[in-house]
Amino acid sequence: MVANLSDCPAKTWLAMMFMSVAGFLVLLVLMLTVAALARYVRTGQGITFGRGHDGPR
């Protein structure tokens, strides 16, 4: 009952590739969120963008 991967149609390959990329992006966003939360808890500062950031106090 197990099919060979070479027997799978192109739609199946594209679906597997899409799921892999989507899963990677979800994990990346999750890791960045945890890192931002850890920084906020550690320093008490939020995330700043652009100029005007003096650095940690």
Protein backbone atom coordinates (compact mmCIF):
# COMPACT_ATOMS: atom_id res chain seq x y z
CA MET A 1 0.00 0.00 0.00
CA VAL A 2 3.01 2.32 0.23
CA ALA A 3 3.51 4.23 -3.02
CA ASN A 4 6.89 5.11 -4.43
CA LEU A 5 7.66 8.84 -4.32
CA SER A 6 8.62 8.72 -7.97
CA ASP A 7 5.07 7.60 -8.78
CA CYS A 8 3.51 10.70 -7.19
CA PRO A 9 2.07 13.33 -9.55
CA ALA A 10 3.47 16.86 -9.77
CA LYS A 11 0.55 18.23 -7.73
CA THR A 12 1.61 16.08 -4.81
CA TRP A 13 5.23 17.27 -5.05
CA LEU A 14 4.09 20.89 -5.14
CA ALA A 15 1.82 20.34 -2.16
CA MET A 16 4.63 18.74 -0.15
CA MET A 17 6.99 21.57 -1.06
CA PHE A 18 4.42 24.20 -0.08
CA MET A 19 3.78 22.47 3.25
CA SER A 20 7.52 22.32 3.97
CA VAL A 21 8.03 26.02 3.23
CA ALA A 22 4.94 27.00 5.20
CA GLY A 23 6.05 24.92 8.17
CA PHE A 24 9.50 26.49 8.09
CA LEU A 25 8.01 30.00 8.02
CA VAL A 26 5.69 29.22 10.93
CA LEU A 27 8.63 27.92 12.98
CA LEU A 28 10.69 31.00 12.09
CA VAL A 29 7.91 33.37 13.20
CA LEU A 30 7.46 31.38 16.39
CA MET A 31 11.19 31.56 17.20
CA LEU A 32 11.28 35.32 16.52
CA THR A 33 8.24 35.82 18.77
CA VAL A 34 9.85 33.87 21.60
CA ALA A 35 13.08 35.85 21.18
CA ALA A 36 11.20 39.17 21.28
CA LEU A 37 9.28 38.10 24.36
CA ALA A 38 12.47 36.98 26.09
CA ARG A 39 14.11 40.33 25.30
CA TYR A 40 11.10 42.19 26.64
CA VAL A 41 11.08 40.18 29.86
CA ARG A 42 14.86 40.54 30.30
CA THR A 43 15.23 44.25 29.55
CA GLY A 44 11.73 45.66 29.96
CA GLN A 45 12.03 47.34 26.55
CA GLY A 46 9.86 46.77 23.55
CA ILE A 47 11.04 46.42 19.98
CA THR A 48 12.30 49.66 18.39
CA PHE A 49 12.80 50.32 14.69
CA GLY A 50 14.73 53.03 12.93
CA ARG A 51 16.71 55.92 14.41
CA GLY A 52 16.55 57.37 17.86
CA HIS A 53 17.38 54.19 19.72
CA ASP A 54 19.91 54.88 22.48
CA GLY A 55 20.60 51.26 23.26
CA PRO A 56 20.11 49.45 26.56
CA ARG A 57 20.06 51.58 29.69
